[in-house]
PDB file of all heavy atoms in Angstrom:
ATOM      1  N   ALA A   1     -19.087  28.777   5.804  1.00  0.00           N
ATOM      2  CA  ALA A   1     -17.932  27.849   5.895  1.00  0.00           C
ATOM      3  C   ALA A   1     -17.354  27.543   4.550  1.00  0.00           C
ATOM      4  O   ALA A   1     -16.145  27.363   4.413  1.00  0.00           O
ATOM      5  CB  ALA A   1     -18.352  26.558   6.587  1.00  0.00           C
ATOM      6  N   LEU A   2     -18.216  27.458   3.514  1.00  0.00           N
ATOM      7  CA  LEU A   2     -17.740  27.231   2.154  1.00  0.00           C
ATOM      8  C   LEU A   2     -18.636  28.061   1.208  1.00  0.00           C
ATOM      9  O   LEU A   2     -19.839  28.179   1.447  1.00  0.00           O
ATOM     10  CB  LEU A   2     -17.897  25.735   1.762  1.00  0.00           C
ATOM     11  CG  LEU A   2     -16.982  24.720   2.419  1.00  0.00           C
ATOM     12  CD1 LEU A   2     -17.439  23.297   2.077  1.00  0.00           C
ATOM     13  CD2 LEU A   2     -15.529  24.946   2.049  1.00  0.00           C
ATOM     14  N   VAL A   3     -18.036  28.576   0.176  1.00  0.00           N
ATOM     15  CA  VAL A   3     -18.816  29.354  -0.799  1.00  0.00           C
ATOM     16  C   VAL A   3     -18.258  29.139  -2.207  1.00  0.00           C
ATOM     17  O   VAL A   3     -17.042  29.260  -2.415  1.00  0.00           O
ATOM     18  CB  VAL A   3     -18.885  30.847  -0.413  1.00  0.00           C
ATOM     19  CG1 VAL A   3     -17.505  31.430  -0.336  1.00  0.00           C
ATOM     20  CG2 VAL A   3     -19.770  31.596  -1.371  1.00  0.00           C
ATOM     21  N   ASP A   4     -19.133  28.781  -3.139  1.00  0.00           N
ATOM     22  CA  ASP A   4     -18.795  28.715  -4.557  1.00  0.00           C
ATOM     23  C   ASP A   4     -17.587  27.862  -4.878  1.00  0.00           C
ATOM     24  O   ASP A   4     -16.687  28.240  -5.596  1.00  0.00           O
ATOM     25  CB  ASP A   4     -18.555  30.126  -5.075  1.00  0.00           C
ATOM     26  CG  ASP A   4     -18.736  30.206  -6.580  1.00  0.00           C
ATOM     27  OD1 ASP A   4     -19.463  29.340  -7.150  1.00  0.00           O
ATOM     28  OD2 ASP A   4     -18.178  31.143  -7.222  1.00  0.00           O
ATOM     29  N   VAL A   5     -17.542  26.619  -4.308  1.00  0.00           N
ATOM     30  CA  VAL A   5     -16.466  25.683  -4.516  1.00  0.00           C
ATOM     31  C   VAL A   5     -16.831  24.800  -5.692  1.00  0.00           C
ATOM     32  O   VAL A   5     -17.872  24.120  -5.699  1.00  0.00           O
ATOM     33  CB  VAL A   5     -16.169  24.884  -3.285  1.00  0.00           C
ATOM     34  CG1 VAL A   5     -15.102  23.796  -3.559  1.00  0.00           C
ATOM     35  CG2 VAL A   5     -15.742  25.753  -2.134  1.00  0.00           C
ATOM     36  N   THR A   6     -15.953  24.743  -6.693  1.00  0.00           N
ATOM     37  CA  THR A   6     -16.175  23.923  -7.888  1.00  0.00           C
ATOM     38  C   THR A   6     -14.985  23.038  -8.118  1.00  0.00           C
ATOM     39  O   THR A   6     -13.835  23.546  -8.277  1.00  0.00           O
ATOM     40  CB  THR A   6     -16.480  24.823  -9.111  1.00  0.00           C
ATOM     41  OG1 THR A   6     -17.657  25.558  -8.895  1.00  0.00           O
ATOM     42  CG2 THR A   6     -16.634  23.981 -10.372  1.00  0.00           C
ATOM     43  N   VAL A   7     -15.208  21.723  -8.212  1.00  0.00           N
ATOM     44  CA  VAL A   7     -14.109  20.729  -8.325  1.00  0.00           C
ATOM     45  C   VAL A   7     -14.603  19.598  -9.183  1.00  0.00           C
ATOM     46  O   VAL A   7     -15.758  19.188  -9.116  1.00  0.00           O
ATOM     47  CB  VAL A   7     -13.666  20.203  -6.947  1.00  0.00           C
ATOM     48  CG1 VAL A   7     -12.595  19.107  -7.119  1.00  0.00           C
ATOM     49  CG2 VAL A   7     -13.183  21.310  -6.053  1.00  0.00           C
ATOM     50  N   ARG A   8     -13.696  19.012  -9.966  1.00  0.00           N
ATOM     51  CA  ARG A   8     -13.937  17.775 -10.683  1.00  0.00           C
ATOM     52  C   ARG A   8     -12.747  16.865 -10.451  1.00  0.00           C
ATOM     53  O   ARG A   8     -11.583  17.300 -10.714  1.00  0.00           O
ATOM     54  CB  ARG A   8     -14.186  17.998 -12.168  1.00  0.00           C
ATOM     55  CG  ARG A   8     -14.482  16.681 -12.923  1.00  0.00           C
ATOM     56  CD  ARG A   8     -14.644  16.972 -14.440  1.00  0.00           C
ATOM     57  NE  ARG A   8     -14.782  15.745 -15.208  1.00  0.00           N
ATOM     58  CZ  ARG A   8     -15.965  15.288 -15.628  1.00  0.00           C
ATOM     59  NH1 ARG A   8     -17.121  15.937 -15.348  1.00  0.00           N
ATOM     60  NH2 ARG A   8     -16.003  14.197 -16.344  1.00  0.00           N
ATOM     61  N   LEU A   9     -12.987  15.644  -9.999  1.00  0.00           N
ATOM     62  CA  LEU A   9     -11.947  14.678  -9.731  1.00  0.00           C
ATOM     63  C   LEU A   9     -12.288  13.352 -10.436  1.00  0.00           C
ATOM     64  O   LEU A   9     -13.343  12.806 -10.185  1.00  0.00           O
ATOM     65  CB  LEU A   9     -11.763  14.453  -8.246  1.00  0.00           C
ATOM     66  CG  LEU A   9     -10.603  13.529  -7.824  1.00  0.00           C
ATOM     67  CD1 LEU A   9      -9.266  14.203  -8.070  1.00  0.00           C
ATOM     68  CD2 LEU A   9     -10.760  13.127  -6.358  1.00  0.00           C
ATOM     69  N   GLU A  10     -11.419  12.849 -11.263  1.00  0.00           N
ATOM     70  CA  GLU A  10     -11.691  11.638 -11.980  1.00  0.00           C
ATOM     71  C   GLU A  10     -11.345  10.403 -11.123  1.00  0.00           C
ATOM     72  O   GLU A  10     -10.625  10.511 -10.099  1.00  0.00           O
ATOM     73  CB  GLU A  10     -10.850  11.580 -13.264  1.00  0.00           C
ATOM     74  CG  GLU A  10     -11.080  12.746 -14.238  1.00  0.00           C
ATOM     75  CD  GLU A  10     -12.512  12.792 -14.766  1.00  0.00           C
ATOM     76  OE1 GLU A  10     -13.210  11.762 -14.731  1.00  0.00           O
ATOM     77  OE2 GLU A  10     -12.900  13.899 -15.216  1.00  0.00           O
ATOM     78  N   ARG A  11     -11.851   9.241 -11.509  1.00  0.00           N
ATOM     79  CA  ARG A  11     -11.536   8.005 -10.795  1.00  0.00           C
ATOM     80  C   ARG A  11     -10.037   7.767 -10.752  1.00  0.00           C
ATOM     81  O   ARG A  11      -9.345   7.943 -11.746  1.00  0.00           O
ATOM     82  CB  ARG A  11     -12.248   6.809 -11.458  1.00  0.00           C
ATOM     83  CG  ARG A  11     -13.751   6.993 -11.671  1.00  0.00           C
ATOM     84  CD  ARG A  11     -14.537   6.677 -10.444  1.00  0.00           C
ATOM     85  NE  ARG A  11     -15.963   6.789 -10.627  1.00  0.00           N
ATOM     86  CZ  ARG A  11     -16.857   5.844 -10.381  1.00  0.00           C
ATOM     87  NH1 ARG A  11     -16.437   4.663  -9.882  1.00  0.00           N
ATOM     88  NH2 ARG A  11     -18.137   6.025 -10.594  1.00  0.00           N
ATOM     89  N   GLY A  12      -9.550   7.366  -9.584  1.00  0.00           N
ATOM     90  CA  GLY A  12      -8.156   7.040  -9.468  1.00  0.00           C
ATOM     91  C   GLY A  12      -7.257   8.254  -9.208  1.00  0.00           C
ATOM     92  O   GLY A  12      -6.071   8.080  -8.978  1.00  0.00           O
ATOM     93  N   GLN A  13      -7.801   9.462  -9.293  1.00  0.00           N
ATOM     94  CA  GLN A  13      -7.003  10.639  -9.058  1.00  0.00           C
ATOM     95  C   GLN A  13      -7.028  11.076  -7.579  1.00  0.00           C
ATOM     96  O   GLN A  13      -7.871  10.618  -6.823  1.00  0.00           O
ATOM     97  CB  GLN A  13      -7.517  11.802  -9.914  1.00  0.00           C
ATOM     98  CG  GLN A  13      -7.239  11.661 -11.394  1.00  0.00           C
ATOM     99  CD  GLN A  13      -7.574  12.927 -12.174  1.00  0.00           C
ATOM    100  OE1 GLN A  13      -8.408  13.726 -11.812  1.00  0.00           O
ATOM    101  NE2 GLN A  13      -6.885  13.124 -13.307  1.00  0.00           N
ATOM    102  N   THR A  14      -6.123  11.936  -7.260  1.00  0.00           N
ATOM    103  CA  THR A  14      -5.998  12.499  -5.888  1.00  0.00           C
ATOM    104  C   THR A  14      -6.184  14.015  -5.972  1.00  0.00           C
ATOM    105  O   THR A  14      -5.587  14.733  -6.755  1.00  0.00           O
ATOM    106  CB  THR A  14      -4.652  12.202  -5.293  1.00  0.00           C
ATOM    107  OG1 THR A  14      -4.529  10.793  -5.103  1.00  0.00           O
ATOM    108  CG2 THR A  14      -4.463  12.895  -3.914  1.00  0.00           C
ATOM    109  N   LEU A  15      -7.068  14.475  -5.042  1.00  0.00           N
ATOM    110  CA  LEU A  15      -7.272  15.943  -4.854  1.00  0.00           C
ATOM    111  C   LEU A  15      -6.629  16.330  -3.520  1.00  0.00           C
ATOM    112  O   LEU A  15      -6.980  15.780  -2.489  1.00  0.00           O
ATOM    113  CB  LEU A  15      -8.797  16.260  -4.815  1.00  0.00           C
ATOM    114  CG  LEU A  15      -9.153  17.658  -4.376  1.00  0.00           C
ATOM    115  CD1 LEU A  15      -8.750  18.668  -5.436  1.00  0.00           C
ATOM    116  CD2 LEU A  15     -10.640  17.757  -4.092  1.00  0.00           C
ATOM    117  N   ALA A  16      -5.679  17.234  -3.592  1.00  0.00           N
ATOM    118  CA  ALA A  16      -5.092  17.791  -2.349  1.00  0.00           C
ATOM    119  C   ALA A  16      -5.880  19.064  -1.995  1.00  0.00           C
ATOM    120  O   ALA A  16      -6.044  19.952  -2.825  1.00  0.00           O
ATOM    121  CB  ALA A  16      -3.636  18.135  -2.551  1.00  0.00           C
ATOM    122  N   VAL A  17      -6.347  19.145  -0.745  1.00  0.00           N
ATOM    123  CA  VAL A  17      -7.078  20.311  -0.269  1.00  0.00           C
ATOM    124  C   VAL A  17      -6.207  21.052   0.709  1.00  0.00           C
ATOM    125  O   VAL A  17      -5.865  20.478   1.777  1.00  0.00           O
ATOM    126  CB  VAL A  17      -8.445  19.916   0.405  1.00  0.00           C
ATOM    127  CG1 VAL A  17      -9.209  21.147   0.784  1.00  0.00           C
ATOM    128  CG2 VAL A  17      -9.255  19.005  -0.520  1.00  0.00           C
ATOM    129  N   LEU A  18      -5.833  22.275   0.375  1.00  0.00           N
ATOM    130  CA  LEU A  18      -4.877  23.043   1.148  1.00  0.00           C
ATOM    131  C   LEU A  18      -5.555  24.254   1.707  1.00  0.00           C
ATOM    132  O   LEU A  18      -6.494  24.813   1.134  1.00  0.00           O
ATOM    133  CB  LEU A  18      -3.732  23.481   0.241  1.00  0.00           C
ATOM    134  CG  LEU A  18      -3.017  22.394  -0.555  1.00  0.00           C
ATOM    135  CD1 LEU A  18      -2.001  23.026  -1.503  1.00  0.00           C
ATOM    136  CD2 LEU A  18      -2.371  21.383   0.375  1.00  0.00           C
ATOM    137  N   GLY A  19      -5.071  24.744   2.854  1.00  0.00           N
ATOM    138  CA  GLY A  19      -5.595  25.923   3.487  1.00  0.00           C
ATOM    139  C   GLY A  19      -5.327  25.930   4.997  1.00  0.00           C
ATOM    140  O   GLY A  19      -5.108  24.874   5.576  1.00  0.00           O
ATOM    141  N   ALA A  20      -5.344  27.134   5.559  1.00  0.00           N
ATOM    142  CA  ALA A  20      -5.098  27.262   6.992  1.00  0.00           C
ATOM    143  C   ALA A  20      -6.245  26.704   7.822  1.00  0.00           C
ATOM    144  O   ALA A  20      -7.309  26.385   7.295  1.00  0.00           O
ATOM    145  CB  ALA A  20      -4.872  28.753   7.322  1.00  0.00           C
ATOM    146  N   ASN A  21      -6.056  26.601   9.122  1.00  0.00           N
ATOM    147  CA  ASN A  21      -7.130  26.220  10.030  1.00  0.00           C
ATOM    148  C   ASN A  21      -8.299  27.164   9.840  1.00  0.00           C
ATOM    149  O   ASN A  21      -8.159  28.390   9.800  1.00  0.00           O
ATOM    150  CB  ASN A  21      -6.669  26.220  11.476  1.00  0.00           C
ATOM    151  CG  ASN A  21      -5.589  25.142  11.752  1.00  0.00           C
ATOM    152  OD1 ASN A  21      -5.579  24.125  11.109  1.00  0.00           O
ATOM    153  ND2 ASN A  21      -4.769  25.413  12.788  1.00  0.00           N
ATOM    154  N   GLY A  22      -9.507  26.572   9.782  1.00  0.00           N
ATOM    155  CA  GLY A  22     -10.685  27.399   9.585  1.00  0.00           C
ATOM    156  C   GLY A  22     -11.029  27.733   8.181  1.00  0.00           C
ATOM    157  O   GLY A  22     -11.978  28.481   7.943  1.00  0.00           O
ATOM    158  N   ALA A  23     -10.222  27.230   7.214  1.00  0.00           N
ATOM    159  CA  ALA A  23     -10.433  27.594   5.828  1.00  0.00           C
ATOM    160  C   ALA A  23     -11.629  26.854   5.198  1.00  0.00           C
ATOM    161  O   ALA A  23     -12.123  27.256   4.135  1.00  0.00           O
ATOM    162  CB  ALA A  23      -9.207  27.297   5.004  1.00  0.00           C
ATOM    163  N   GLY A  24     -12.086  25.766   5.846  1.00  0.00           N
ATOM    164  CA  GLY A  24     -13.240  25.023   5.345  1.00  0.00           C
ATOM    165  C   GLY A  24     -12.896  23.615   4.847  1.00  0.00           C
ATOM    166  O   GLY A  24     -13.753  22.917   4.309  1.00  0.00           O
ATOM    167  N   LYS A  25     -11.649  23.213   5.071  1.00  0.00           N
ATOM    168  CA  LYS A  25     -11.201  21.903   4.539  1.00  0.00           C
ATOM    169  C   LYS A  25     -11.985  20.754   5.167  1.00  0.00           C
ATOM    170  O   LYS A  25     -12.481  19.870   4.438  1.00  0.00           O
ATOM    171  CB  LYS A  25      -9.722  21.708   4.843  1.00  0.00           C
ATOM    172  CG  LYS A  25      -8.810  22.817   4.326  1.00  0.00           C
ATOM    173  CD  LYS A  25      -7.327  22.523   4.536  1.00  0.00           C
ATOM    174  CE  LYS A  25      -6.998  22.266   5.997  1.00  0.00           C
ATOM    175  NZ  LYS A  25      -7.241  23.462   6.837  1.00  0.00           N
ATOM    176  N   THR A  26     -12.117  20.704   6.452  1.00  0.00           N
ATOM    177  CA  THR A  26     -12.824  19.581   7.110  1.00  0.00           C
ATOM    178  C   THR A  26     -14.329  19.635   6.812  1.00  0.00           C
ATOM    179  O   THR A  26     -14.947  18.600   6.597  1.00  0.00           O
ATOM    180  CB  THR A  26     -12.604  19.632   8.616  1.00  0.00           C
ATOM    181  OG1 THR A  26     -11.174  19.379   8.904  1.00  0.00           O
ATOM    182  CG2 THR A  26     -13.370  18.520   9.338  1.00  0.00           C
ATOM    183  N   THR A  27     -14.873  20.856   6.728  1.00  0.00           N
ATOM    184  CA  THR A  27     -16.266  20.939   6.304  1.00  0.00           C
ATOM    185  C   THR A  27     -16.488  20.394   4.950  1.00  0.00           C
ATOM    186  O   THR A  27     -17.490  19.669   4.671  1.00  0.00           O
ATOM    187  CB  THR A  27     -16.714  22.464   6.320  1.00  0.00           C
ATOM    188  OG1 THR A  27     -16.644  22.939   7.649  1.00  0.00           O
ATOM    189  CG2 THR A  27     -18.127  22.612   5.802  1.00  0.00           C
ATOM    190  N   LEU A  28     -15.622  20.670   4.006  1.00  0.00           N
ATOM    191  CA  LEU A  28     -15.705  20.121   2.659  1.00  0.00           C
ATOM    192  C   LEU A  28     -15.673  18.608   2.701  1.00  0.00           C
ATOM    193  O   LEU A  28     -16.520  17.949   2.047  1.00  0.00           O
ATOM    194  CB  LEU A  28     -14.507  20.636   1.815  1.00  0.00           C
ATOM    195  CG  LEU A  28     -14.438  20.087   0.381  1.00  0.00           C
ATOM    196  CD1 LEU A  28     -15.597  20.635  -0.476  1.00  0.00           C
ATOM    197  CD2 LEU A  28     -13.119  20.401  -0.271  1.00  0.00           C
ATOM    198  N   LEU A  29     -14.783  18.033   3.460  1.00  0.00           N
ATOM    199  CA  LEU A  29     -14.704  16.587   3.556  1.00  0.00           C
ATOM    200  C   LEU A  29     -15.978  15.995   4.122  1.00  0.00           C
ATOM    201  O   LEU A  29     -16.472  14.941   3.644  1.00  0.00           O
ATOM    202  CB  LEU A  29     -13.494  16.208   4.454  1.00  0.00           C
ATOM    203  CG  LEU A  29     -12.702  14.976   4.043  1.00  0.00           C
ATOM    204  CD1 LEU A  29     -12.110  15.131   2.660  1.00  0.00           C
ATOM    205  CD2 LEU A  29     -11.616  14.716   5.073  1.00  0.00           C
ATOM    206  N   ARG A  30     -16.556  16.652   5.121  1.00  0.00           N
ATOM    207  CA  ARG A  30     -17.762  16.109   5.751  1.00  0.00           C
ATOM    208  C   ARG A  30     -18.989  16.264   4.830  1.00  0.00           C
ATOM    209  O   ARG A  30     -19.879  15.386   4.847  1.00  0.00           O
ATOM    210  CB  ARG A  30     -18.022  16.863   7.068  1.00  0.00           C
ATOM    211  CG  ARG A  30     -16.998  16.415   8.153  1.00  0.00           C
ATOM    212  CD  ARG A  30     -17.173  17.291   9.415  1.00  0.00           C
ATOM    213  NE  ARG A  30     -18.453  17.041  10.061  1.00  0.00           N
ATOM    214  CZ  ARG A  30     -18.764  16.019  10.846  1.00  0.00           C
ATOM    215  NH1 ARG A  30     -17.828  15.123  11.078  1.00  0.00           N
ATOM    216  NH2 ARG A  30     -19.939  15.882  11.377  1.00  0.00           N
TER     217      ARG A  30
END
């Protein structure tokens, strides 16, 4: 569902997660 995802988000910032259905977005959130 997810492989080799690397992200850094600072306090107060917004990360937009984009991708088609089944791309892994909701899995990442969970």
